[in-house]
Amino acid sequence: MTLRDYLDLVRAPAVLSVLGDTLAGAAAGGRLGPARRSAGPGADVRPWRLALLPLSSACLYAGGMALNDYADRELDALERPERPLPSGRVSPAQALGVASGLTVAGLALAGVGGGRRSFALAVPLAASVWTYDLVAKNHATGPVVMAACRGLDVLMGAGAGRVRAALPAAAALTVHTAGVTVLSRGEVHGTTQPVAAAVAAGTVGVAVSVTVGALRSLRPRPTAGGTPVPAGRARAVVPAAAALVSAGVYVASCLPKQVSAVALPDAAGAFTATKAGIRAMVPLQAALAARGGSMGVVAVLAGVEVAGRALRARGRRRVSPNPGLSES
């Protein structure tokens, strides 16, 4: 197995879409940003260690990709013969070994980077990835399990002690992931207008929730002495503005393609809308991080977005990345 074969197996460019999950969760949960000092449980890990959590997500994601190809090797021989396993470039044993190794690495990085609070969520996350690929993918529960993977990834960033604070961020990515996963099921044979319309409605709902959350952050908040803090202060205005801009980029990135899939729900339309939904993950993560007040994370995710656009501009081989931590 060559390096190129390995990168194809784990869908390397698609890994960019998962890096911001834990960062958005950490911002929402108070582990990053201005709320860190008052966050209480879960803010006990130094920020530099939290940088390992996106690497944990990347390992679990890539491991899920490899496991997907292992599980789908017979079907891919008929529908996607160019993939690493059916083409003979990677053996089933190699794919399973890569999946196992990356899963273990992801769990280890979660423990080191986020402590026991993040590890407590990494375990069910890894279990969900394997459950999706080996059991749930071809069943009606598939999109639910996939969406749960993404939600758990966000919560892993917050840590077990701050789950409640990060639930809105996790819910936003969960809803988006569920919609994109449903659409991805039509990449070969097409989807239906009701399904595409429901996914588009979900995108609008997610954008509205982020917008409302950003506007609420501008409300005056009482200090310890009970004196309201003016809503127009820069500390609130700048993150709120970043959240609104990122939410706009999120909608512009995926909603037009989803609406097109409503008008023409064939395989090409479903595939294009699925790709757009994946690419919209990073702007959504940035919007959620900004809502949590962490402009540093927003800057990092802006760099991830630029890197993703640069990779796509190079015209790499068409890949259908999956919205969760494995692939359909």
C-alpha atoms as a PDB file:
ATOM      1  CA  MET A   1       0.000   0.000   0.000  1.00  0.00           C
ATOM      2  CA  THR A   2       1.544   3.285  -1.101  1.00  0.00           C
ATOM      3  CA  LEU A   3       1.068   6.640   0.609  1.00  0.00           C
ATOM      4  CA  ARG A   4      -1.336   7.694  -2.133  1.00  0.00           C
ATOM      5  CA  ASP A   5      -3.368   4.532  -1.615  1.00  0.00           C
ATOM      6  CA  TYR A   6      -3.526   5.258   2.106  1.00  0.00           C
ATOM      7  CA  LEU A   7      -4.653   8.847   1.514  1.00  0.00           C
ATOM      8  CA  ASP A   8      -7.339   7.633  -0.874  1.00  0.00           C
ATOM      9  CA  LEU A   9      -8.486   5.028   1.632  1.00  0.00           C
ATOM     10  CA  VAL A  10      -9.016   7.563   4.433  1.00  0.00           C
ATOM     11  CA  ARG A  11     -10.343  10.324   2.123  1.00  0.00           C
ATOM     12  CA  ALA A  12      -7.616  12.681   3.334  1.00  0.00           C
ATOM     13  CA  PRO A  13      -9.068  15.960   1.947  1.00  0.00           C
ATOM     14  CA  ALA A  14     -12.367  15.274   3.709  1.00  0.00           C
ATOM     15  CA  VAL A  15     -10.618  15.255   7.090  1.00  0.00           C
ATOM     16  CA  LEU A  16     -10.632  19.057   6.979  1.00  0.00           C
ATOM     17  CA  SER A  17     -14.391  19.008   7.514  1.00  0.00           C
ATOM     18  CA  VAL A  18     -14.079  17.439  10.968  1.00  0.00           C
ATOM     19  CA  LEU A  19     -11.287  19.475  12.535  1.00  0.00           C
ATOM     20  CA  GLY A  20     -13.578  22.205  13.814  1.00  0.00           C
ATOM     21  CA  ASP A  21     -16.044  19.975  15.676  1.00  0.00           C
ATOM     22  CA  THR A  22     -14.143  19.743  18.935  1.00  0.00           C
ATOM     23  CA  LEU A  23     -12.995  23.358  18.690  1.00  0.00           C
ATOM     24  CA  ALA A  24     -16.600  24.532  18.374  1.00  0.00           C
ATOM     25  CA  GLY A  25     -17.517  22.276  21.288  1.00  0.00           C
ATOM     26  CA  ALA A  26     -14.661  23.604  23.411  1.00  0.00           C
ATOM     27  CA  ALA A  27     -15.734  27.187  22.701  1.00  0.00           C
ATOM     28  CA  ALA A  28     -19.373  26.428  23.492  1.00  0.00           C
ATOM     29  CA  GLY A  29     -18.427  24.561  26.657  1.00  0.00           C
ATOM     30  CA  GLY A  30     -16.167  27.293  27.997  1.00  0.00           C
ATOM     31  CA  ARG A  31     -12.860  25.493  27.519  1.00  0.00           C
ATOM     32  CA  LEU A  32     -11.780  28.170  25.033  1.00  0.00           C
ATOM     33  CA  GLY A  33     -12.582  31.854  24.734  1.00  0.00           C
ATOM     34  CA  PRO A  34     -13.601  34.460  27.327  1.00  0.00           C
ATOM     35  CA  ALA A  35     -15.845  32.068  29.264  1.00  0.00           C
ATOM     36  CA  ARG A  36     -12.970  29.734  30.155  1.00  0.00           C
ATOM     37  CA  ARG A  37     -12.315  31.097  33.640  1.00  0.00           C
ATOM     38  CA  SER A  38     -15.928  30.768  34.751  1.00  0.00           C
ATOM     39  CA  ALA A  39     -16.651  27.506  32.956  1.00  0.00           C
ATOM     40  CA  GLY A  40     -16.171  25.282  35.995  1.00  0.00           C
ATOM     41  CA  PRO A  41     -15.901  21.519  35.317  1.00  0.00           C
ATOM     42  CA  GLY A  42     -14.366  20.743  31.939  1.00  0.00           C
ATOM     43  CA  ALA A  43     -12.221  23.890  31.788  1.00  0.00           C
ATOM     44  CA  ASP A  44      -9.435  22.158  33.675  1.00  0.00           C
ATOM     45  CA  VAL A  45      -7.318  21.328  30.612  1.00  0.00           C
ATOM     46  CA  ARG A  46      -4.741  23.754  29.300  1.00  0.00           C
ATOM     47  CA  PRO A  47      -5.707  25.244  25.907  1.00  0.00           C
ATOM     48  CA  TRP A  48      -2.585  23.920  24.175  1.00  0.00           C
ATOM     49  CA  ARG A  49      -3.609  20.370  25.050  1.00  0.00           C
ATOM     50  CA  LEU A  50      -7.012  20.922  23.466  1.00  0.00           C
ATOM     51  CA  ALA A  51      -5.203  21.226  20.142  1.00  0.00           C
ATOM     52  CA  LEU A  52      -4.904  17.444  20.256  1.00  0.00           C
ATOM     53  CA  LEU A  53      -8.684  17.008  20.132  1.00  0.00           C
ATOM     54  CA  PRO A  54      -9.018  17.942  16.435  1.00  0.00           C
ATOM     55  CA  LEU A  55      -6.299  15.359  15.756  1.00  0.00           C
ATOM     56  CA  SER A  56      -8.349  12.829  17.706  1.00  0.00           C
ATOM     57  CA  SER A  57     -11.371  13.644  15.553  1.00  0.00           C
ATOM     58  CA  ALA A  58      -9.264  13.333  12.416  1.00  0.00           C
ATOM     59  CA  CYS A  59      -8.039   9.878  13.445  1.00  0.00           C
ATOM     60  CA  LEU A  60     -11.533   8.646  14.282  1.00  0.00           C
ATOM     61  CA  TYR A  61     -12.857  10.104  11.019  1.00  0.00           C
ATOM     62  CA  ALA A  62     -10.099   8.575   8.901  1.00  0.00           C
ATOM     63  CA  GLY A  63     -10.482   5.262  10.715  1.00  0.00           C
ATOM     64  CA  GLY A  64     -14.177   5.317   9.916  1.00  0.00           C
ATOM     65  CA  MET A  65     -13.393   5.934   6.261  1.00  0.00           C
ATOM     66  CA  ALA A  66     -11.084   2.922   6.133  1.00  0.00           C
ATOM     67  CA  LEU A  67     -13.624   0.776   7.979  1.00  0.00           C
ATOM     68  CA  ASN A  68     -16.293   1.895   5.526  1.00  0.00           C
ATOM     69  CA  ASP A  69     -14.274   0.598   2.588  1.00  0.00           C
ATOM     70  CA  TYR A  70     -13.670  -2.663   4.417  1.00  0.00           C
ATOM     71  CA  ALA A  71     -17.385  -3.115   5.089  1.00  0.00           C
ATOM     72  CA  ASP A  72     -18.423  -2.078   1.581  1.00  0.00           C
ATOM     73  CA  ARG A  73     -15.765  -3.915  -0.391  1.00  0.00           C
ATOM     74  CA  GLU A  74     -18.220  -6.234  -2.171  1.00  0.00           C
ATOM     75  CA  LEU A  75     -20.713  -3.490  -3.028  1.00  0.00           C
ATOM     76  CA  ASP A  76     -17.928  -1.152  -4.137  1.00  0.00           C
ATOM     77  CA  ALA A  77     -16.707  -3.825  -6.551  1.00  0.00           C
ATOM     78  CA  LEU A  78     -19.974  -3.259  -8.429  1.00  0.00           C
ATOM     79  CA  GLU A  79     -20.714   0.435  -7.887  1.00  0.00           C
ATOM     80  CA  ARG A  80     -17.322   2.064  -7.179  1.00  0.00           C
ATOM     81  CA  PRO A  81     -14.596  -0.193  -8.641  1.00  0.00           C
ATOM     82  CA  GLU A  82     -12.073   2.647  -8.580  1.00  0.00           C
ATOM     83  CA  ARG A  83     -11.896   2.645  -4.779  1.00  0.00           C
ATOM     84  CA  PRO A  84      -8.749   1.260  -3.102  1.00  0.00           C
ATOM     85  CA  LEU A  85     -10.098  -2.183  -2.104  1.00  0.00           C
ATOM     86  CA  PRO A  86     -11.964  -3.293  -5.240  1.00  0.00           C
ATOM     87  CA  SER A  87      -9.148  -1.938  -7.409  1.00  0.00           C
ATOM     88  CA  GLY A  88      -6.687  -4.161  -5.539  1.00  0.00           C
ATOM     89  CA  ARG A  89      -4.505  -1.329  -4.267  1.00  0.00           C
ATOM     90  CA  VAL A  90      -5.379  -2.090  -0.628  1.00  0.00           C
ATOM     91  CA  SER A  91      -6.224  -5.478   0.875  1.00  0.00           C
ATOM     92  CA  PRO A  92      -9.159  -5.982   3.280  1.00  0.00           C
ATOM     93  CA  ALA A  93      -6.741  -6.868   6.072  1.00  0.00           C
ATOM     94  CA  GLN A  94      -4.802  -3.664   5.508  1.00  0.00           C
ATOM     95  CA  ALA A  95      -7.978  -1.567   5.560  1.00  0.00           C
ATOM     96  CA  LEU A  96      -9.163  -3.190   8.788  1.00  0.00           C
ATOM     97  CA  GLY A  97      -5.734  -2.684  10.346  1.00  0.00           C
ATOM     98  CA  VAL A  98      -5.719   0.992   9.411  1.00  0.00           C
ATOM     99  CA  ALA A  99      -9.219   1.438  10.830  1.00  0.00           C
ATOM    100  CA  SER A 100      -8.279  -0.242  14.098  1.00  0.00           C
ATOM    101  CA  GLY A 101      -5.009   1.626  14.491  1.00  0.00           C
ATOM    102  CA  LEU A 102      -6.535   5.018  13.802  1.00  0.00           C
ATOM    103  CA  THR A 103      -9.382   4.353  16.219  1.00  0.00           C
ATOM    104  CA  VAL A 104      -6.943   3.513  19.014  1.00  0.00           C
ATOM    105  CA  ALA A 105      -4.902   6.605  18.160  1.00  0.00           C
ATOM    106  CA  GLY A 106      -8.024   8.757  18.234  1.00  0.00           C
ATOM    107  CA  LEU A 107      -8.986   7.489  21.676  1.00  0.00           C
ATOM    108  CA  ALA A 108      -5.473   8.047  23.002  1.00  0.00           C
ATOM    109  CA  LEU A 109      -5.337  11.605  21.671  1.00  0.00           C
ATOM    110  CA  ALA A 110      -8.728  12.352  23.213  1.00  0.00           C
ATOM    111  CA  GLY A 111      -7.485  11.200  26.607  1.00  0.00           C
ATOM    112  CA  VAL A 112      -4.234  13.145  26.430  1.00  0.00           C
ATOM    113  CA  GLY A 113      -5.747  16.275  24.894  1.00  0.00           C
ATOM    114  CA  GLY A 114      -9.017  16.571  26.758  1.00  0.00           C
ATOM    115  CA  GLY A 115      -8.475  14.468  29.841  1.00  0.00           C
ATOM    116  CA  ARG A 116     -10.937  11.965  31.223  1.00  0.00           C
ATOM    117  CA  ARG A 117     -13.872  14.272  30.480  1.00  0.00           C
ATOM    118  CA  SER A 118     -13.204  14.127  26.733  1.00  0.00           C
ATOM    119  CA  PHE A 119     -12.199  10.460  26.805  1.00  0.00           C
ATOM    120  CA  ALA A 120     -15.577   9.659  28.375  1.00  0.00           C
ATOM    121  CA  LEU A 121     -17.216  10.942  25.180  1.00  0.00           C
ATOM    122  CA  ALA A 122     -14.593   9.598  22.779  1.00  0.00           C
ATOM    123  CA  VAL A 123     -15.442   6.009  23.706  1.00  0.00           C
ATOM    124  CA  PRO A 124     -19.140   6.165  22.669  1.00  0.00           C
ATOM    125  CA  LEU A 125     -18.085   8.216  19.646  1.00  0.00           C
ATOM    126  CA  ALA A 126     -15.722   5.482  18.453  1.00  0.00           C
ATOM    127  CA  ALA A 127     -18.372   2.854  19.182  1.00  0.00           C
ATOM    128  CA  SER A 128     -20.876   4.830  17.101  1.00  0.00           C
ATOM    129  CA  VAL A 129     -18.466   5.030  14.173  1.00  0.00           C
ATOM    130  CA  TRP A 130     -17.974   1.264  14.130  1.00  0.00           C
ATOM    131  CA  THR A 131     -21.687   0.659  14.653  1.00  0.00           C
ATOM    132  CA  TYR A 132     -22.535   2.831  11.682  1.00  0.00           C
ATOM    133  CA  ASP A 133     -20.065   1.193   9.317  1.00  0.00           C
ATOM    134  CA  LEU A 134     -20.692  -2.408  10.327  1.00  0.00           C
ATOM    135  CA  VAL A 135     -24.365  -2.421  11.326  1.00  0.00           C
ATOM    136  CA  ALA A 136     -26.483   0.696  10.864  1.00  0.00           C
ATOM    137  CA  LYS A 137     -25.337   2.153   7.553  1.00  0.00           C
ATOM    138  CA  ASN A 138     -27.809   0.290   5.353  1.00  0.00           C
ATOM    139  CA  HIS A 139     -30.715   0.564   7.763  1.00  0.00           C
ATOM    140  CA  ALA A 140     -33.199   3.323   8.505  1.00  0.00           C
ATOM    141  CA  THR A 141     -31.251   4.210  11.636  1.00  0.00           C
ATOM    142  CA  GLY A 142     -28.126   4.978   9.607  1.00  0.00           C
ATOM    143  CA  PRO A 143     -28.554   8.777   9.396  1.00  0.00           C
ATOM    144  CA  VAL A 144     -29.383   8.907  13.107  1.00  0.00           C
ATOM    145  CA  VAL A 145     -26.208   7.058  14.071  1.00  0.00           C
ATOM    146  CA  MET A 146     -24.142   9.162  11.679  1.00  0.00           C
ATOM    147  CA  ALA A 147     -25.582  12.380  13.100  1.00  0.00           C
ATOM    148  CA  ALA A 148     -24.878  11.092  16.609  1.00  0.00           C
ATOM    149  CA  CYS A 149     -21.230  10.667  15.626  1.00  0.00           C
ATOM    150  CA  ARG A 150     -20.968  14.318  14.728  1.00  0.00           C
ATOM    151  CA  GLY A 151     -22.826  15.493  17.795  1.00  0.00           C
ATOM    152  CA  LEU A 152     -20.626  13.398  20.071  1.00  0.00           C
ATOM    153  CA  ASP A 153     -17.557  14.822  18.363  1.00  0.00           C
ATOM    154  CA  VAL A 154     -18.672  18.335  19.293  1.00  0.00           C
ATOM    155  CA  LEU A 155     -19.425  17.272  22.861  1.00  0.00           C
ATOM    156  CA  MET A 156     -15.998  15.655  23.104  1.00  0.00           C
ATOM    157  CA  GLY A 157     -14.539  19.121  22.711  1.00  0.00           C
ATOM    158  CA  ALA A 158     -16.614  20.432  25.592  1.00  0.00           C
ATOM    159  CA  GLY A 159     -15.956  17.475  27.862  1.00  0.00           C
ATOM    160  CA  ALA A 160     -18.349  15.452  29.985  1.00  0.00           C
ATOM    161  CA  GLY A 161     -18.670  18.197  32.593  1.00  0.00           C
ATOM    162  CA  ARG A 162     -19.895  20.790  30.092  1.00  0.00           C
ATOM    163  CA  VAL A 163     -22.277  18.812  27.894  1.00  0.00           C
ATOM    164  CA  ARG A 164     -25.272  20.978  28.672  1.00  0.00           C
ATOM    165  CA  ALA A 165     -23.522  24.178  27.627  1.00  0.00           C
ATOM    166  CA  ALA A 166     -22.416  22.623  24.333  1.00  0.00           C
ATOM    167  CA  LEU A 167     -25.745  20.978  23.444  1.00  0.00           C
ATOM    168  CA  PRO A 168     -26.943  23.802  21.135  1.00  0.00           C
ATOM    169  CA  ALA A 169     -23.724  23.600  19.097  1.00  0.00           C
ATOM    170  CA  ALA A 170     -23.894  19.801  19.003  1.00  0.00           C
ATOM    171  CA  ALA A 171     -27.544  19.921  17.967  1.00  0.00           C
ATOM    172  CA  ALA A 172     -26.802  22.266  15.063  1.00  0.00           C
ATOM    173  CA  LEU A 173     -24.132  19.978  13.619  1.00  0.00           C
ATOM    174  CA  THR A 174     -26.253  16.914  14.335  1.00  0.00           C
ATOM    175  CA  VAL A 175     -29.208  18.263  12.366  1.00  0.00           C
ATOM    176  CA  HIS A 176     -27.004  19.319   9.476  1.00  0.00           C
ATOM    177  CA  THR A 177     -25.213  15.979   9.406  1.00  0.00           C
ATOM    178  CA  ALA A 178     -28.457  14.009   9.460  1.00  0.00           C
ATOM    179  CA  GLY A 179     -29.712  15.954   6.452  1.00  0.00           C
ATOM    180  CA  VAL A 180     -26.545  15.538   4.441  1.00  0.00           C
ATOM    181  CA  THR A 181     -26.392  11.834   5.261  1.00  0.00           C
ATOM    182  CA  VAL A 182     -29.949  11.327   4.039  1.00  0.00           C
ATOM    183  CA  LEU A 183     -29.082  13.142   0.810  1.00  0.00           C
ATOM    184  CA  SER A 184     -25.920  11.068   0.358  1.00  0.00           C
ATOM    185  CA  ARG A 185     -28.057   7.934   0.093  1.00  0.00           C
ATOM    186  CA  GLY A 186     -29.253   9.219  -3.262  1.00  0.00           C
ATOM    187  CA  GLU A 187     -25.799   9.676  -4.786  1.00  0.00           C
ATOM    188  CA  VAL A 188     -26.152   6.539  -6.934  1.00  0.00           C
ATOM    189  CA  HIS A 189     -29.868   6.208  -7.658  1.00  0.00           C
ATOM    190  CA  GLY A 190     -31.178   9.667  -6.825  1.00  0.00           C
ATOM    191  CA  THR A 191     -33.209  11.087  -3.939  1.00  0.00           C
ATOM    192  CA  THR A 192     -36.782  12.444  -3.724  1.00  0.00           C
ATOM    193  CA  GLN A 193     -38.184  15.958  -3.633  1.00  0.00           C
ATOM    194  CA  PRO A 194     -39.627  15.613  -0.096  1.00  0.00           C
ATOM    195  CA  VAL A 195     -36.254  14.430   1.230  1.00  0.00           C
ATOM    196  CA  ALA A 196     -34.346  17.241  -0.470  1.00  0.00           C
ATOM    197  CA  ALA A 197     -36.898  19.786   0.735  1.00  0.00           C
ATOM    198  CA  ALA A 198     -36.636  18.530   4.309  1.00  0.00           C
ATOM    199  CA  VAL A 199     -32.850  18.823   4.186  1.00  0.00           C
ATOM    200  CA  ALA A 200     -33.082  22.380   2.846  1.00  0.00           C
ATOM    201  CA  ALA A 201     -35.530  23.256   5.618  1.00  0.00           C
ATOM    202  CA  GLY A 202     -33.100  21.823   8.156  1.00  0.00           C
ATOM    203  CA  THR A 203     -30.347  24.084   6.808  1.00  0.00           C
ATOM    204  CA  VAL A 204     -32.583  27.112   7.230  1.00  0.00           C
ATOM    205  CA  GLY A 205     -33.463  26.020  10.750  1.00  0.00           C
ATOM    206  CA  VAL A 206     -29.823  25.619  11.728  1.00  0.00           C
ATOM    207  CA  ALA A 207     -28.956  29.040  10.318  1.00  0.00           C
ATOM    208  CA  VAL A 208     -31.833  30.646  12.195  1.00  0.00           C
ATOM    209  CA  SER A 209     -30.785  29.038  15.479  1.00  0.00           C
ATOM    210  CA  VAL A 210     -27.213  30.299  15.083  1.00  0.00           C
ATOM    211  CA  THR A 211     -28.469  33.774  14.180  1.00  0.00           C
ATOM    212  CA  VAL A 212     -30.786  33.949  17.169  1.00  0.00           C
ATOM    213  CA  GLY A 213     -28.000  32.793  19.474  1.00  0.00           C
ATOM    214  CA  ALA A 214     -25.646  35.447  18.113  1.00  0.00           C
ATOM    215  CA  LEU A 215     -28.209  38.208  18.584  1.00  0.00           C
ATOM    216  CA  ARG A 216     -28.975  37.070  22.124  1.00  0.00           C
ATOM    217  CA  SER A 217     -25.317  37.436  23.001  1.00  0.00           C
ATOM    218  CA  LEU A 218     -25.700  41.183  22.440  1.00  0.00           C
ATOM    219  CA  ARG A 219     -28.140  41.550  25.317  1.00  0.00           C
ATOM    220  CA  PRO A 220     -26.841  43.385  28.381  1.00  0.00           C
ATOM    221  CA  ARG A 221     -25.597  41.004  31.045  1.00  0.00           C
ATOM    222  CA  PRO A 222     -25.365  41.824  34.745  1.00  0.00           C
ATOM    223  CA  THR A 223     -21.946  41.869  36.350  1.00  0.00           C
ATOM    224  CA  ALA A 224     -21.181  40.368  39.729  1.00  0.00           C
ATOM    225  CA  GLY A 225     -22.428  43.593  41.302  1.00  0.00           C
ATOM    226  CA  GLY A 226     -25.688  43.490  39.380  1.00  0.00           C
ATOM    227  CA  THR A 227     -24.881  46.376  37.025  1.00  0.00           C
ATOM    228  CA  PRO A 228     -25.841  45.599  33.416  1.00  0.00           C
ATOM    229  CA  VAL A 229     -22.971  45.555  30.962  1.00  0.00           C
ATOM    230  CA  PRO A 230     -23.760  47.568  27.796  1.00  0.00           C
ATOM    231  CA  ALA A 231     -24.719  45.341  24.883  1.00  0.00           C
ATOM    232  CA  GLY A 232     -22.677  47.324  22.392  1.00  0.00           C
ATOM    233  CA  ARG A 233     -19.286  46.473  23.837  1.00  0.00           C
ATOM    234  CA  ALA A 234     -16.759  45.150  21.338  1.00  0.00           C
ATOM    235  CA  ARG A 235     -16.302  41.923  23.272  1.00  0.00           C
ATOM    236  CA  ALA A 236     -19.869  40.970  22.337  1.00  0.00           C
ATOM    237  CA  VAL A 237     -20.263  42.734  18.998  1.00  0.00           C
ATOM    238  CA  VAL A 238     -17.236  41.248  17.243  1.00  0.00           C
ATOM    239  CA  PRO A 239     -18.049  37.566  17.959  1.00  0.00           C
ATOM    240  CA  ALA A 240     -21.730  38.157  17.175  1.00  0.00           C
ATOM    241  CA  ALA A 241     -20.823  39.753  13.839  1.00  0.00           C
ATOM    242  CA  ALA A 242     -18.460  36.868  13.060  1.00  0.00           C
ATOM    243  CA  ALA A 243     -21.208  34.377  13.881  1.00  0.00           C
ATOM    244  CA  LEU A 244     -23.663  36.137  11.576  1.00  0.00           C
ATOM    245  CA  VAL A 245     -21.162  36.324   8.720  1.00  0.00           C
ATOM    246  CA  SER A 246     -20.187  32.674   9.148  1.00  0.00           C
ATOM    247  CA  ALA A 247     -23.846  31.653   9.250  1.00  0.00           C
ATOM    248  CA  GLY A 248     -24.353  33.517   5.978  1.00  0.00           C
ATOM    249  CA  VAL A 249     -21.406  31.701   4.402  1.00  0.00           C
ATOM    250  CA  TYR A 250     -22.824  28.418   5.687  1.00  0.00           C
ATOM    251  CA  VAL A 251     -26.191  29.028   4.015  1.00  0.00           C
ATOM    252  CA  ALA A 252     -24.608  30.228   0.779  1.00  0.00           C
ATOM    253  CA  SER A 253     -22.365  27.159   0.709  1.00  0.00           C
ATOM    254  CA  CYS A 254     -25.073  24.516   0.745  1.00  0.00           C
ATOM    255  CA  LEU A 255     -28.648  25.822   0.487  1.00  0.00           C
ATOM    256  CA  PRO A 256     -28.580  26.665  -3.259  1.00  0.00           C
ATOM    257  CA  LYS A 257     -27.457  23.125  -4.137  1.00  0.00           C
ATOM    258  CA  GLN A 258     -30.071  21.635  -1.836  1.00  0.00           C
ATOM    259  CA  VAL A 259     -32.781  23.732  -3.466  1.00  0.00           C
ATOM    260  CA  SER A 260     -31.525  22.538  -6.863  1.00  0.00           C
ATOM    261  CA  ALA A 261     -31.851  18.960  -5.624  1.00  0.00           C
ATOM    262  CA  VAL A 262     -35.474  19.691  -4.761  1.00  0.00           C
ATOM    263  CA  ALA A 263     -36.088  20.775  -8.352  1.00  0.00           C
ATOM    264  CA  LEU A 264     -34.112  17.881  -9.846  1.00  0.00           C
ATOM    265  CA  PRO A 265     -33.623  15.056  -7.314  1.00  0.00           C
ATOM    266  CA  ASP A 266     -31.529  12.796  -9.536  1.00  0.00           C
ATOM    267  CA  ALA A 267     -28.226  11.169  -8.591  1.00  0.00           C
ATOM    268  CA  ALA A 268     -26.161  14.102  -9.856  1.00  0.00           C
ATOM    269  CA  GLY A 269     -28.249  16.571  -7.869  1.00  0.00           C
ATOM    270  CA  ALA A 270     -27.970  14.499  -4.697  1.00  0.00           C
ATOM    271  CA  PHE A 271     -24.225  14.112  -5.143  1.00  0.00           C
ATOM    272  CA  THR A 272     -23.687  17.837  -5.698  1.00  0.00           C
ATOM    273  CA  ALA A 273     -25.867  18.756  -2.717  1.00  0.00           C
ATOM    274  CA  THR A 274     -24.017  16.243  -0.538  1.00  0.00           C
ATOM    275  CA  LYS A 275     -20.646  17.729  -1.464  1.00  0.00           C
ATOM    276  CA  ALA A 276     -21.968  21.209  -0.748  1.00  0.00           C
ATOM    277  CA  GLY A 277     -23.226  20.058   2.632  1.00  0.00           C
ATOM    278  CA  ILE A 278     -19.797  18.726   3.532  1.00  0.00           C
ATOM    279  CA  ARG A 279     -18.107  21.941   2.516  1.00  0.00           C
ATOM    280  CA  ALA A 280     -20.583  23.917   4.609  1.00  0.00           C
ATOM    281  CA  MET A 281     -19.415  22.136   7.771  1.00  0.00           C
ATOM    282  CA  VAL A 282     -16.464  24.464   8.337  1.00  0.00           C
ATOM    283  CA  PRO A 283     -18.444  27.742   8.094  1.00  0.00           C
ATOM    284  CA  LEU A 284     -21.021  26.246  10.457  1.00  0.00           C
ATOM    285  CA  GLN A 285     -18.313  25.282  12.931  1.00  0.00           C
ATOM    286  CA  ALA A 286     -16.927  28.824  12.706  1.00  0.00           C
ATOM    287  CA  ALA A 287     -20.366  30.299  13.381  1.00  0.00           C
ATOM    288  CA  LEU A 288     -20.784  28.107  16.452  1.00  0.00           C
ATOM    289  CA  ALA A 289     -17.298  28.971  17.736  1.00  0.00           C
ATOM    290  CA  ALA A 290     -17.977  32.672  17.244  1.00  0.00           C
ATOM    291  CA  ARG A 291     -21.245  32.329  19.130  1.00  0.00           C
ATOM    292  CA  GLY A 292     -19.162  30.856  21.945  1.00  0.00           C
ATOM    293  CA  GLY A 293     -16.935  33.942  21.855  1.00  0.00           C
ATOM    294  CA  SER A 294     -13.738  32.243  20.641  1.00  0.00           C
ATOM    295  CA  MET A 295     -12.392  34.395  17.822  1.00  0.00           C
ATOM    296  CA  GLY A 296      -9.148  32.433  17.876  1.00  0.00           C
ATOM    297  CA  VAL A 297     -11.039  29.319  16.769  1.00  0.00           C
ATOM    298  CA  VAL A 298     -12.804  31.356  14.087  1.00  0.00           C
ATOM    299  CA  ALA A 299      -9.421  32.427  12.726  1.00  0.00           C
ATOM    300  CA  VAL A 300      -8.166  28.832  12.710  1.00  0.00           C
ATOM    301  CA  LEU A 301     -11.273  27.634  10.888  1.00  0.00           C
ATOM    302  CA  ALA A 302     -10.929  30.450   8.365  1.00  0.00           C
ATOM    303  CA  GLY A 303      -7.509  29.006   7.586  1.00  0.00           C
ATOM    304  CA  VAL A 304      -9.020  25.524   7.272  1.00  0.00           C
ATOM    305  CA  GLU A 305     -11.602  26.899   4.841  1.00  0.00           C
ATOM    306  CA  VAL A 306      -8.894  28.545   2.732  1.00  0.00           C
ATOM    307  CA  ALA A 307      -6.909  25.296   2.712  1.00  0.00           C
ATOM    308  CA  GLY A 308      -9.980  23.345   1.635  1.00  0.00           C
ATOM    309  CA  ARG A 309     -10.700  25.736  -1.202  1.00  0.00           C
ATOM    310  CA  ALA A 310      -7.082  25.535  -2.335  1.00  0.00           C
ATOM    311  CA  LEU A 311      -7.207  21.739  -2.423  1.00  0.00           C
ATOM    312  CA  ARG A 312     -10.417  21.790  -4.442  1.00  0.00           C
ATOM    313  CA  ALA A 313      -8.954  24.346  -6.823  1.00  0.00           C
ATOM    314  CA  ARG A 314      -6.144  21.941  -7.618  1.00  0.00           C
ATOM    315  CA  GLY A 315      -8.706  19.707  -9.236  1.00  0.00           C
ATOM    316  CA  ARG A 316      -8.092  16.580  -7.224  1.00  0.00           C
ATOM    317  CA  ARG A 317      -9.907  13.394  -8.094  1.00  0.00           C
ATOM    318  CA  ARG A 318     -13.618  13.570  -7.298  1.00  0.00           C
ATOM    319  CA  VAL A 319     -14.326  12.118  -3.870  1.00  0.00           C
ATOM    320  CA  SER A 320     -17.633  11.844  -2.042  1.00  0.00           C
ATOM    321  CA  PRO A 321     -16.705  12.757   1.543  1.00  0.00           C
ATOM    322  CA  ASN A 322     -19.080  11.763   4.279  1.00  0.00           C
ATOM    323  CA  PRO A 323     -20.557  14.196   6.787  1.00  0.00           C
ATOM    324  CA  GLY A 324     -19.959  12.091   9.862  1.00  0.00           C
ATOM    325  CA  LEU A 325     -17.021  10.037  11.018  1.00  0.00           C
ATOM    326  CA  SER A 326     -17.307   7.392   8.313  1.00  0.00           C
ATOM    327  CA  GLU A 327     -18.631   7.128   4.778  1.00  0.00           C
ATOM    328  CA  SER A 328     -21.810   5.821   3.218  1.00  0.00           C
END
